Amino acid sequence: MRRMTVTAAPPEKLYYTGDDEADRLIASDPLALLIGFALDQQVPVQKAFSGPLELQRRLGHLDARRIASTDPDVLADAFRQRPALHRFPAAMAKRVQALCAYITDTYDGDAARVWTDARDGADLQRRLMALPSFGDMKVRSMLAILAKQFGVNLPGLDAVVPRHPTLGDVTSPESLASYQAAKRAHKAEMRAREAAPRD
């Protein structure tokens, strides 16, 4: 039996790209949001989350089943078209195809079911961790986005939503800039600690 979460309306847009159409797409299309996260590696947030809209333009759709069944070379070519969708277009085409195959096989092609079928916060966390290309940091950000911006309400969700700032706290271009500045500062601090001489 399918379990539905209690949700508020999704946000009108997520302020991750600076492009109104791209920001609206990742808010309205669950697969677009997950693809954005799959691409969010070794490129700026703006580049990663602009990718779903550009991919939709190049393919003519954002359908998990169709992407999963696309010839891998054709999909890689779509990623390579200039401007390339990522610094590593071929590798990211494989990751996105693996994500879409998983969504197709596990959720019948409906990406929203990752959270609409979840029983509780721990179950949602497990579902997100099982997604190809989703590590701990991406899972924490997705949990925060779903709770804080999509209004997902599940038993025990508060226990797994991170307390530290994530993309879930970004609600404007200004807050995105603040989030990215804090992230850069944190990375610089971690690098400095690693480079410091040990007694």
N, C-alpha and C. Protein backbone atom coordinates (compact mmCIF):
# COMPACT_ATOMS: atom_id res chain seq x y z
N MET A 1 0.84 -1.19 0.00
CA MET A 1 0.00 0.00 0.00
C MET A 1 0.87 1.24 0.00
N ARG A 2 0.56 2.16 -0.86
CA ARG A 2 1.38 3.37 -0.97
C ARG A 2 1.07 4.32 0.18
N ARG A 3 2.11 4.85 0.80
CA ARG A 3 1.96 5.81 1.88
C ARG A 3 2.23 7.20 1.34
N MET A 4 1.36 8.13 1.62
CA MET A 4 1.58 9.50 1.18
C MET A 4 2.02 10.35 2.35
N THR A 5 3.03 11.15 2.16
CA THR A 5 3.44 12.08 3.19
C THR A 5 2.47 13.25 3.21
N VAL A 6 2.50 13.97 4.32
CA VAL A 6 1.76 15.22 4.39
C VAL A 6 2.68 16.30 3.85
N THR A 7 2.30 16.95 2.79
CA THR A 7 3.18 17.95 2.19
C THR A 7 2.44 19.25 1.98
N ALA A 8 3.19 20.32 2.10
CA ALA A 8 2.69 21.62 1.68
C ALA A 8 3.00 21.75 0.20
N ALA A 9 2.57 22.85 -0.40
CA ALA A 9 2.86 23.07 -1.81
C ALA A 9 4.37 23.21 -2.00
N PRO A 10 4.91 22.66 -3.09
CA PRO A 10 6.34 22.88 -3.36
C PRO A 10 6.60 24.37 -3.53
N PRO A 11 7.83 24.79 -3.32
CA PRO A 11 8.14 26.21 -3.53
C PRO A 11 7.97 26.59 -5.00
N GLU A 12 7.76 27.85 -5.23
CA GLU A 12 7.64 28.32 -6.61
C GLU A 12 8.94 28.10 -7.36
N LYS A 13 10.04 28.30 -6.67
CA LYS A 13 11.35 28.03 -7.26
C LYS A 13 12.38 27.83 -6.17
N LEU A 14 13.49 27.23 -6.54
CA LEU A 14 14.64 27.07 -5.67
C LEU A 14 15.75 27.96 -6.21
N TYR A 15 16.33 28.77 -5.37
CA TYR A 15 17.25 29.83 -5.83
C TYR A 15 18.68 29.30 -5.95
N TYR A 16 18.89 28.31 -6.83
CA TYR A 16 20.19 27.67 -6.91
C TYR A 16 20.97 28.03 -8.17
N THR A 17 20.33 28.65 -9.17
CA THR A 17 21.03 28.83 -10.45
C THR A 17 21.17 30.28 -10.89
N GLY A 18 20.29 31.15 -10.45
CA GLY A 18 20.26 32.52 -10.97
C GLY A 18 19.48 32.64 -12.26
N ASP A 19 18.96 31.53 -12.76
CA ASP A 19 18.13 31.52 -13.98
C ASP A 19 16.71 31.14 -13.56
N ASP A 20 15.76 32.02 -13.83
CA ASP A 20 14.40 31.83 -13.32
C ASP A 20 13.79 30.51 -13.81
N GLU A 21 13.97 30.20 -15.09
CA GLU A 21 13.37 28.99 -15.63
C GLU A 21 13.99 27.73 -15.02
N ALA A 22 15.30 27.74 -14.86
CA ALA A 22 15.98 26.58 -14.26
C ALA A 22 15.58 26.42 -12.79
N ASP A 23 15.46 27.55 -12.08
CA ASP A 23 15.07 27.49 -10.67
C ASP A 23 13.65 26.97 -10.50
N ARG A 24 12.76 27.31 -11.43
CA ARG A 24 11.38 26.82 -11.36
C ARG A 24 11.30 25.32 -11.70
N LEU A 25 12.13 24.89 -12.65
CA LEU A 25 12.10 23.49 -13.04
C LEU A 25 12.52 22.58 -11.88
N ILE A 26 13.60 22.90 -11.20
CA ILE A 26 14.06 22.03 -10.12
C ILE A 26 13.11 22.04 -8.93
N ALA A 27 12.27 23.08 -8.82
CA ALA A 27 11.26 23.10 -7.77
C ALA A 27 10.03 22.28 -8.16
N SER A 28 9.69 22.28 -9.44
CA SER A 28 8.44 21.65 -9.88
C SER A 28 8.60 20.20 -10.34
N ASP A 29 9.81 19.81 -10.72
CA ASP A 29 10.03 18.47 -11.27
C ASP A 29 10.99 17.70 -10.36
N PRO A 30 10.49 16.72 -9.60
CA PRO A 30 11.37 15.98 -8.69
C PRO A 30 12.58 15.34 -9.35
N LEU A 31 12.41 14.82 -10.57
CA LEU A 31 13.56 14.22 -11.25
C LEU A 31 14.60 15.27 -11.57
N ALA A 32 14.17 16.45 -11.98
CA ALA A 32 15.12 17.53 -12.26
C ALA A 32 15.94 17.86 -11.02
N LEU A 33 15.30 17.90 -9.86
CA LEU A 33 16.01 18.19 -8.63
C LEU A 33 17.05 17.10 -8.33
N LEU A 34 16.67 15.85 -8.48
CA LEU A 34 17.61 14.76 -8.22
C LEU A 34 18.76 14.76 -9.22
N ILE A 35 18.46 15.07 -10.48
CA ILE A 35 19.53 15.16 -11.49
C ILE A 35 20.49 16.30 -11.13
N GLY A 36 19.94 17.41 -10.68
CA GLY A 36 20.79 18.52 -10.25
C GLY A 36 21.76 18.09 -9.16
N PHE A 37 21.27 17.31 -8.21
CA PHE A 37 22.15 16.80 -7.16
C PHE A 37 23.18 15.83 -7.71
N ALA A 38 22.79 15.00 -8.66
CA ALA A 38 23.75 14.08 -9.26
C ALA A 38 24.89 14.84 -9.94
N LEU A 39 24.56 16.00 -10.52
CA LEU A 39 25.57 16.81 -11.20
C LEU A 39 26.37 17.70 -10.26
N ASP A 40 25.93 17.81 -9.01
CA ASP A 40 26.54 18.73 -8.05
C ASP A 40 27.81 18.13 -7.46
N GLN A 41 28.83 18.10 -8.31
CA GLN A 41 30.13 17.59 -7.91
C GLN A 41 31.21 18.22 -8.77
N GLN A 42 32.14 18.90 -8.11
CA GLN A 42 33.28 19.53 -8.78
C GLN A 42 32.88 20.61 -9.78
N VAL A 43 31.69 21.16 -9.62
CA VAL A 43 31.25 22.34 -10.36
C VAL A 43 30.47 23.21 -9.39
N PRO A 44 30.31 24.51 -9.68
CA PRO A 44 29.51 25.36 -8.80
C PRO A 44 28.05 24.90 -8.76
N VAL A 45 27.38 25.23 -7.66
CA VAL A 45 25.96 24.91 -7.50
C VAL A 45 25.16 25.40 -8.70
N GLN A 46 25.46 26.62 -9.15
CA GLN A 46 24.70 27.21 -10.27
C GLN A 46 24.81 26.36 -11.52
N LYS A 47 26.00 25.86 -11.80
CA LYS A 47 26.21 25.02 -12.99
C LYS A 47 25.48 23.70 -12.85
N ALA A 48 25.59 23.07 -11.68
CA ALA A 48 24.97 21.76 -11.48
C ALA A 48 23.46 21.82 -11.65
N PHE A 49 22.83 22.79 -11.02
CA PHE A 49 21.37 22.82 -11.01
C PHE A 49 20.77 23.50 -12.25
N SER A 50 21.62 24.09 -13.07
CA SER A 50 21.18 24.54 -14.40
C SER A 50 21.14 23.38 -15.38
N GLY A 51 21.87 22.31 -15.05
CA GLY A 51 21.99 21.16 -15.94
C GLY A 51 20.67 20.51 -16.34
N PRO A 52 19.73 20.30 -15.39
CA PRO A 52 18.48 19.64 -15.78
C PRO A 52 17.70 20.37 -16.87
N LEU A 53 17.63 21.70 -16.80
CA LEU A 53 16.92 22.44 -17.83
C LEU A 53 17.61 22.30 -19.18
N GLU A 54 18.93 22.40 -19.19
CA GLU A 54 19.65 22.27 -20.45
C GLU A 54 19.54 20.86 -21.00
N LEU A 55 19.56 19.86 -20.12
CA LEU A 55 19.39 18.48 -20.57
C LEU A 55 17.99 18.29 -21.16
N GLN A 56 17.00 18.86 -20.53
CA GLN A 56 15.63 18.79 -21.06
C GLN A 56 15.55 19.42 -22.45
N ARG A 57 16.22 20.52 -22.65
CA ARG A 57 16.23 21.18 -23.96
C ARG A 57 16.90 20.29 -25.01
N ARG A 58 17.97 19.62 -24.62
CA ARG A 58 18.72 18.82 -25.58
C ARG A 58 18.02 17.50 -25.91
N LEU A 59 17.36 16.93 -24.92
CA LEU A 59 16.69 15.64 -25.15
C LEU A 59 15.24 15.81 -25.58
N GLY A 60 14.65 16.95 -25.25
CA GLY A 60 13.23 17.17 -25.53
C GLY A 60 12.33 16.65 -24.41
N HIS A 61 12.92 16.18 -23.31
CA HIS A 61 12.13 15.66 -22.19
C HIS A 61 13.05 15.48 -20.99
N LEU A 62 12.42 15.25 -19.83
CA LEU A 62 13.13 14.76 -18.65
C LEU A 62 12.29 13.62 -18.10
N ASP A 63 12.37 12.48 -18.75
CA ASP A 63 11.59 11.32 -18.39
C ASP A 63 12.55 10.21 -17.96
N ALA A 64 12.38 9.74 -16.72
CA ALA A 64 13.33 8.76 -16.18
C ALA A 64 13.41 7.50 -17.03
N ARG A 65 12.26 6.98 -17.47
CA ARG A 65 12.27 5.76 -18.28
C ARG A 65 13.03 5.96 -19.58
N ARG A 66 12.75 7.07 -20.25
CA ARG A 66 13.37 7.32 -21.54
C ARG A 66 14.87 7.57 -21.41
N ILE A 67 15.27 8.29 -20.36
CA ILE A 67 16.70 8.52 -20.16
C ILE A 67 17.40 7.19 -19.83
N ALA A 68 16.75 6.38 -19.02
CA ALA A 68 17.35 5.09 -18.65
C ALA A 68 17.57 4.20 -19.87
N SER A 69 16.67 4.31 -20.86
CA SER A 69 16.77 3.43 -22.03
C SER A 69 17.48 4.08 -23.22
N THR A 70 17.95 5.30 -23.06
CA THR A 70 18.66 5.98 -24.14
C THR A 70 20.02 5.32 -24.39
N ASP A 71 20.40 5.25 -25.64
CA ASP A 71 21.73 4.74 -25.97
C ASP A 71 22.77 5.57 -25.20
N PRO A 72 23.65 4.93 -24.43
CA PRO A 72 24.62 5.68 -23.62
C PRO A 72 25.46 6.66 -24.43
N ASP A 73 25.81 6.32 -25.66
CA ASP A 73 26.60 7.23 -26.48
C ASP A 73 25.79 8.47 -26.87
N VAL A 74 24.52 8.27 -27.13
CA VAL A 74 23.65 9.41 -27.47
C VAL A 74 23.52 10.34 -26.27
N LEU A 75 23.34 9.75 -25.09
CA LEU A 75 23.23 10.57 -23.88
C LEU A 75 24.53 11.30 -23.60
N ALA A 76 25.64 10.61 -23.76
CA ALA A 76 26.94 11.26 -23.54
C ALA A 76 27.14 12.42 -24.52
N ASP A 77 26.70 12.25 -25.76
CA ASP A 77 26.80 13.34 -26.73
C ASP A 77 25.97 14.55 -26.31
N ALA A 78 24.80 14.28 -25.73
CA ALA A 78 23.95 15.39 -25.25
C ALA A 78 24.67 16.14 -24.13
N PHE A 79 25.39 15.43 -23.29
CA PHE A 79 26.13 16.08 -22.21
C PHE A 79 27.34 16.85 -22.74
N ARG A 80 27.92 16.37 -23.85
CA ARG A 80 29.14 17.00 -24.38
C ARG A 80 28.86 18.24 -25.22
N GLN A 81 27.64 18.37 -25.75
CA GLN A 81 27.34 19.53 -26.58
C GLN A 81 27.76 20.81 -25.87
N ARG A 82 28.27 21.76 -26.64
CA ARG A 82 28.74 23.00 -26.02
C ARG A 82 27.58 23.95 -25.75
N PRO A 83 27.60 24.56 -24.56
CA PRO A 83 28.53 24.31 -23.46
C PRO A 83 28.22 22.98 -22.78
N ALA A 84 29.28 22.24 -22.46
CA ALA A 84 29.10 20.93 -21.83
C ALA A 84 28.33 21.09 -20.52
N LEU A 85 27.54 20.07 -20.20
CA LEU A 85 26.72 20.14 -18.99
C LEU A 85 27.53 20.02 -17.72
N HIS A 86 28.78 19.57 -17.84
CA HIS A 86 29.61 19.35 -16.65
C HIS A 86 31.07 19.29 -17.07
N ARG A 87 31.95 19.45 -16.13
CA ARG A 87 33.38 19.32 -16.41
C ARG A 87 33.72 17.93 -16.92
N PHE A 88 32.96 16.93 -16.49
CA PHE A 88 33.18 15.54 -16.87
C PHE A 88 31.90 15.00 -17.50
N PRO A 89 31.60 15.41 -18.73
CA PRO A 89 30.29 15.10 -19.30
C PRO A 89 30.00 13.62 -19.48
N ALA A 90 30.97 12.84 -19.93
CA ALA A 90 30.71 11.42 -20.16
C ALA A 90 30.44 10.70 -18.84
N ALA A 91 31.23 11.01 -17.82
CA ALA A 91 31.04 10.37 -16.52
C ALA A 91 29.69 10.76 -15.92
N MET A 92 29.32 12.03 -16.07
CA MET A 92 28.05 12.47 -15.49
C MET A 92 26.85 11.94 -16.27
N ALA A 93 27.02 11.73 -17.56
CA ALA A 93 25.94 11.10 -18.34
C ALA A 93 25.67 9.70 -17.79
N LYS A 94 26.73 8.96 -17.47
CA LYS A 94 26.57 7.63 -16.89
C LYS A 94 25.88 7.69 -15.54
N ARG A 95 26.25 8.69 -14.74
CA ARG A 95 25.65 8.81 -13.40
C ARG A 95 24.16 9.14 -13.50
N VAL A 96 23.82 10.06 -14.38
CA VAL A 96 22.42 10.43 -14.54
C VAL A 96 21.61 9.26 -15.09
N GLN A 97 22.20 8.52 -16.02
CA GLN A 97 21.50 7.35 -16.56
C GLN A 97 21.29 6.29 -15.48
N ALA A 98 22.29 6.09 -14.63
CA ALA A 98 22.16 5.12 -13.54
C ALA A 98 21.07 5.57 -12.56
N LEU A 99 21.04 6.87 -12.27
CA LEU A 99 20.00 7.42 -11.38
C LEU A 99 18.61 7.18 -11.98
N CYS A 100 18.46 7.48 -13.26
CA CYS A 100 17.16 7.31 -13.92
C CYS A 100 16.76 5.83 -14.00
N ALA A 101 17.73 4.95 -14.19
CA ALA A 101 17.44 3.51 -14.20
C ALA A 101 16.95 3.06 -12.83
N TYR A 102 17.58 3.57 -11.79
CA TYR A 102 17.17 3.21 -10.43
C TYR A 102 15.76 3.73 -10.14
N ILE A 103 15.47 4.98 -10.53
CA ILE A 103 14.13 5.55 -10.33
C ILE A 103 13.09 4.74 -11.11
N THR A 104 13.46 4.32 -12.30
CA THR A 104 12.55 3.52 -13.13
C THR A 104 12.28 2.17 -12.49
N ASP A 105 13.34 1.50 -12.06
CA ASP A 105 13.20 0.15 -11.52
C ASP A 105 12.56 0.12 -10.14
N THR A 106 12.87 1.13 -9.32
CA THR A 106 12.44 1.11 -7.93
C THR A 106 11.13 1.86 -7.71
N TYR A 107 10.92 2.92 -8.47
CA TYR A 107 9.76 3.79 -8.23
C TYR A 107 8.89 3.96 -9.47
N ASP A 108 9.01 3.02 -10.40
CA ASP A 108 8.18 3.04 -11.61
C ASP A 108 8.31 4.37 -12.37
N GLY A 109 9.50 4.95 -12.33
CA GLY A 109 9.77 6.17 -13.07
C GLY A 109 9.32 7.45 -12.40
N ASP A 110 8.75 7.36 -11.19
CA ASP A 110 8.20 8.53 -10.49
C ASP A 110 9.17 8.96 -9.39
N ALA A 111 9.99 9.96 -9.66
CA ALA A 111 11.02 10.37 -8.71
C ALA A 111 10.44 10.86 -7.39
N ALA A 112 9.27 11.46 -7.42
CA ALA A 112 8.67 11.98 -6.19
C ALA A 112 8.40 10.89 -5.17
N ARG A 113 8.25 9.65 -5.64
CA ARG A 113 7.96 8.54 -4.72
C ARG A 113 9.11 8.26 -3.76
N VAL A 114 10.30 8.77 -4.08
CA VAL A 114 11.41 8.63 -3.12
C VAL A 114 10.96 9.17 -1.77
N TRP A 115 10.24 10.28 -1.76
CA TRP A 115 9.77 10.82 -0.49
C TRP A 115 8.28 10.59 -0.23
N THR A 116 7.44 10.52 -1.26
CA THR A 116 6.01 10.35 -0.98
C THR A 116 5.68 8.95 -0.47
N ASP A 117 6.56 7.98 -0.71
CA ASP A 117 6.35 6.62 -0.21
C ASP A 117 7.04 6.36 1.12
N ALA A 118 7.83 7.31 1.60
CA ALA A 118 8.62 7.08 2.81
C ALA A 118 7.72 6.96 4.04
N ARG A 119 8.07 6.04 4.93
CA ARG A 119 7.28 5.82 6.15
C ARG A 119 7.60 6.85 7.23
N ASP A 120 8.89 7.18 7.33
CA ASP A 120 9.33 8.09 8.39
C ASP A 120 10.67 8.69 7.97
N GLY A 121 11.23 9.52 8.86
CA GLY A 121 12.48 10.19 8.52
C GLY A 121 13.61 9.24 8.24
N ALA A 122 13.73 8.18 9.04
CA ALA A 122 14.82 7.22 8.83
C ALA A 122 14.65 6.49 7.51
N ASP A 123 13.42 6.17 7.14
CA ASP A 123 13.15 5.50 5.87
C ASP A 123 13.49 6.42 4.70
N LEU A 124 13.13 7.69 4.82
CA LEU A 124 13.47 8.65 3.77
C LEU A 124 14.97 8.77 3.62
N GLN A 125 15.68 8.83 4.73
CA GLN A 125 17.14 8.90 4.68
C GLN A 125 17.72 7.69 3.96
N ARG A 126 17.20 6.50 4.27
CA ARG A 126 17.68 5.27 3.61
C ARG A 126 17.41 5.32 2.11
N ARG A 127 16.21 5.78 1.74
CA ARG A 127 15.85 5.86 0.32
C ARG A 127 16.79 6.81 -0.44
N LEU A 128 17.10 7.93 0.17
CA LEU A 128 18.00 8.89 -0.48
C LEU A 128 19.42 8.32 -0.57
N MET A 129 19.87 7.65 0.47
CA MET A 129 21.22 7.06 0.46
C MET A 129 21.35 5.99 -0.61
N ALA A 130 20.25 5.35 -0.96
CA ALA A 130 20.28 4.28 -1.97
C ALA A 130 20.36 4.82 -3.40
N LEU A 131 20.10 6.11 -3.59
CA LEU A 131 20.13 6.68 -4.93
C LEU A 131 21.56 6.71 -5.46
N PRO A 132 21.79 6.29 -6.70
CA PRO A 132 23.13 6.41 -7.28
C PRO A 132 23.61 7.86 -7.26
N SER A 133 24.87 8.04 -6.91
CA SER A 133 25.53 9.36 -6.87
C SER A 133 25.16 10.18 -5.64
N PHE A 134 24.42 9.61 -4.70
CA PHE A 134 24.04 10.35 -3.50
C PHE A 134 24.85 9.85 -2.31
N GLY A 135 25.75 10.72 -1.85
CA GLY A 135 26.49 10.44 -0.63
C GLY A 135 25.87 11.17 0.55
N ASP A 136 26.58 11.12 1.67
CA ASP A 136 26.03 11.67 2.92
C ASP A 136 25.69 13.16 2.80
N MET A 137 26.58 13.95 2.20
CA MET A 137 26.34 15.39 2.13
C MET A 137 25.11 15.71 1.29
N LYS A 138 24.96 15.04 0.15
CA LYS A 138 23.80 15.28 -0.70
C LYS A 138 22.51 14.84 -0.01
N VAL A 139 22.58 13.74 0.69
CA VAL A 139 21.40 13.24 1.41
C VAL A 139 20.98 14.25 2.48
N ARG A 140 21.95 14.78 3.22
CA ARG A 140 21.61 15.77 4.25
C ARG A 140 20.95 17.00 3.63
N SER A 141 21.50 17.46 2.51
CA SER A 141 20.91 18.62 1.84
C SER A 141 19.50 18.33 1.35
N MET A 142 19.29 17.15 0.77
CA MET A 142 17.95 16.79 0.28
C MET A 142 16.96 16.70 1.43
N LEU A 143 17.36 16.12 2.55
CA LEU A 143 16.48 16.05 3.71
C LEU A 143 16.05 17.45 4.15
N ALA A 144 17.02 18.38 4.18
CA ALA A 144 16.71 19.75 4.59
C ALA A 144 15.78 20.44 3.58
N ILE A 145 16.04 20.23 2.30
CA ILE A 145 15.19 20.84 1.27
C ILE A 145 13.76 20.33 1.38
N LEU A 146 13.61 19.03 1.52
CA LEU A 146 12.27 18.44 1.58
C LEU A 146 11.52 18.92 2.82
N ALA A 147 12.22 19.01 3.95
CA ALA A 147 11.56 19.43 5.19
C ALA A 147 11.28 20.93 5.21
N LYS A 148 12.26 21.73 4.79
CA LYS A 148 12.15 23.17 4.97
C LYS A 148 11.49 23.89 3.80
N GLN A 149 11.64 23.34 2.59
CA GLN A 149 11.11 24.06 1.43
C GLN A 149 9.92 23.37 0.78
N PHE A 150 9.86 22.04 0.85
CA PHE A 150 8.73 21.32 0.27
C PHE A 150 7.66 20.97 1.30
N GLY A 151 7.95 21.23 2.55
CA GLY A 151 6.97 20.97 3.59
C GLY A 151 6.70 19.51 3.85
N VAL A 152 7.64 18.62 3.51
CA VAL A 152 7.46 17.20 3.79
C VAL A 152 7.42 17.01 5.31
N ASN A 153 6.43 16.27 5.76
CA ASN A 153 6.20 16.08 7.20
C ASN A 153 6.08 14.59 7.49
N LEU A 154 7.10 14.04 8.12
CA LEU A 154 7.13 12.61 8.43
C LEU A 154 7.50 12.40 9.89
N PRO A 155 7.01 11.33 10.50
CA PRO A 155 7.47 11.02 11.86
C PRO A 155 8.98 10.85 11.88
N GLY A 156 9.63 11.49 12.84
CA GLY A 156 11.07 11.33 12.99
C GLY A 156 11.91 12.10 11.99
N LEU A 157 11.29 12.92 11.16
CA LEU A 157 12.09 13.65 10.16
C LEU A 157 13.02 14.65 10.83
N ASP A 158 12.56 15.30 11.88
CA ASP A 158 13.41 16.28 12.57
C ASP A 158 14.72 15.67 13.05
N ALA A 159 14.68 14.39 13.37
CA ALA A 159 15.88 13.74 13.91
C ALA A 159 16.96 13.54 12.86
N VAL A 160 16.59 13.54 11.58
CA VAL A 160 17.59 13.30 10.54
C VAL A 160 17.90 14.55 9.71
N VAL A 161 17.12 15.62 9.87
CA VAL A 161 17.41 16.87 9.15
C VAL A 161 18.60 17.54 9.83
N PRO A 162 19.62 17.91 9.07
CA PRO A 162 20.83 18.48 9.68
C PRO A 162 20.56 19.84 10.34
N ARG A 163 21.33 20.10 11.38
CA ARG A 163 21.22 21.39 12.08
C ARG A 163 22.10 22.46 11.43
N HIS A 164 23.13 22.03 10.71
CA HIS A 164 24.04 22.99 10.08
C HIS A 164 23.43 23.51 8.77
N PRO A 165 23.90 24.65 8.27
CA PRO A 165 23.34 25.22 7.04
C PRO A 165 23.58 24.30 5.84
N THR A 166 22.56 24.18 5.00
CA THR A 166 22.63 23.40 3.76
C THR A 166 21.89 24.18 2.68
N LEU A 167 21.78 23.58 1.49
CA LEU A 167 20.98 24.21 0.44
C LEU A 167 19.52 24.34 0.85
N GLY A 168 19.09 23.57 1.83
CA GLY A 168 17.72 23.70 2.33
C GLY A 168 17.44 25.04 2.95
N ASP A 169 18.49 25.76 3.33
CA ASP A 169 18.33 27.08 3.94
C ASP A 169 18.45 28.22 2.93
N VAL A 170 18.70 27.88 1.67
CA VAL A 170 18.85 28.91 0.63
C VAL A 170 17.48 29.30 0.10
N THR A 171 17.09 30.53 0.33
CA THR A 171 15.77 31.01 -0.09
C THR A 171 15.83 32.28 -0.93
N SER A 172 17.03 32.66 -1.35
CA SER A 172 17.20 33.87 -2.15
C SER A 172 18.59 33.85 -2.77
N PRO A 173 18.83 34.69 -3.79
CA PRO A 173 20.20 34.76 -4.32
C PRO A 173 21.22 35.16 -3.26
N GLU A 174 20.80 36.04 -2.35
CA GLU A 174 21.71 36.50 -1.31
C GLU A 174 22.08 35.37 -0.35
N SER A 175 21.08 34.56 0.01
CA SER A 175 21.39 33.46 0.93
C SER A 175 22.22 32.38 0.25
N LEU A 176 22.08 32.24 -1.08
CA LEU A 176 22.96 31.31 -1.80
C LEU A 176 24.40 31.80 -1.73
N ALA A 177 24.60 33.10 -1.96
CA ALA A 177 25.95 33.66 -1.90
C ALA A 177 26.55 33.47 -0.50
N SER A 178 25.75 33.68 0.54
CA SER A 178 26.23 33.50 1.91
C SER A 178 26.58 32.04 2.18
N TYR A 179 25.73 31.14 1.70
CA TYR A 179 25.98 29.71 1.89
C TYR A 179 27.28 29.30 1.20
N GLN A 180 27.48 29.75 -0.03
CA GLN A 180 28.69 29.37 -0.77
C GLN A 180 29.94 29.96 -0.13
N ALA A 181 29.83 31.21 0.39
CA ALA A 181 30.98 31.81 1.06
C ALA A 181 31.34 31.04 2.32
N ALA A 182 30.33 30.63 3.09
CA ALA A 182 30.58 29.87 4.31
C ALA A 182 31.18 28.50 3.97
N LYS A 183 30.72 27.90 2.88
CA LYS A 183 31.24 26.59 2.47
C LYS A 183 32.71 26.71 2.06
N ARG A 184 33.04 27.77 1.31
CA ARG A 184 34.44 27.99 0.92
C ARG A 184 35.32 28.20 2.14
N ALA A 185 34.83 28.98 3.10
CA ALA A 185 35.60 29.24 4.32
C ALA A 185 35.83 27.96 5.11
N HIS A 186 34.80 27.12 5.18
CA HIS A 186 34.93 25.84 5.89
C HIS A 186 35.96 24.95 5.21
N LYS A 187 35.92 24.87 3.88
CA LYS A 187 36.89 24.05 3.15
C LYS A 187 38.31 24.57 3.36
N ALA A 188 38.46 25.90 3.35
CA ALA A 188 39.79 26.48 3.56
C ALA A 188 40.30 26.15 4.96
N GLU A 189 39.41 26.19 5.94
CA GLU A 189 39.79 25.86 7.31
C GLU A 189 40.20 24.40 7.43
N MET A 190 39.46 23.52 6.74
CA MET A 190 39.80 22.09 6.78
C MET A 190 41.16 21.84 6.12
N ARG A 191 41.42 22.53 5.00
CA ARG A 191 42.71 22.37 4.33
C ARG A 191 43.85 22.85 5.22
N ALA A 192 43.61 23.97 5.91
CA ALA A 192 44.63 24.52 6.80
C ALA A 192 44.93 23.56 7.94
N ARG A 193 43.89 22.92 8.47
CA ARG A 193 44.09 21.96 9.56
C ARG A 193 44.90 20.76 9.07
N GLU A 194 44.60 20.30 7.86
CA GLU A 194 45.31 19.15 7.32
C GLU A 194 46.79 19.46 7.06
N ALA A 195 47.04 20.74 6.69
CA ALA A 195 48.41 21.14 6.36
C ALA A 195 49.22 21.51 7.60
N ALA A 196 48.56 21.72 8.71
CA ALA A 196 49.26 22.17 9.93
C ALA A 196 50.20 21.06 10.43
N PRO A 197 51.40 21.44 10.89
CA PRO A 197 52.34 20.43 11.42
C PRO A 197 51.78 19.79 12.67
N ARG A 198 52.03 18.50 12.82
CA ARG A 198 51.57 17.77 14.00
C ARG A 198 52.72 17.59 14.99
N ASP A 199 52.39 17.67 16.26
CA ASP A 199 53.41 17.48 17.30
C ASP A 199 53.84 16.02 17.37
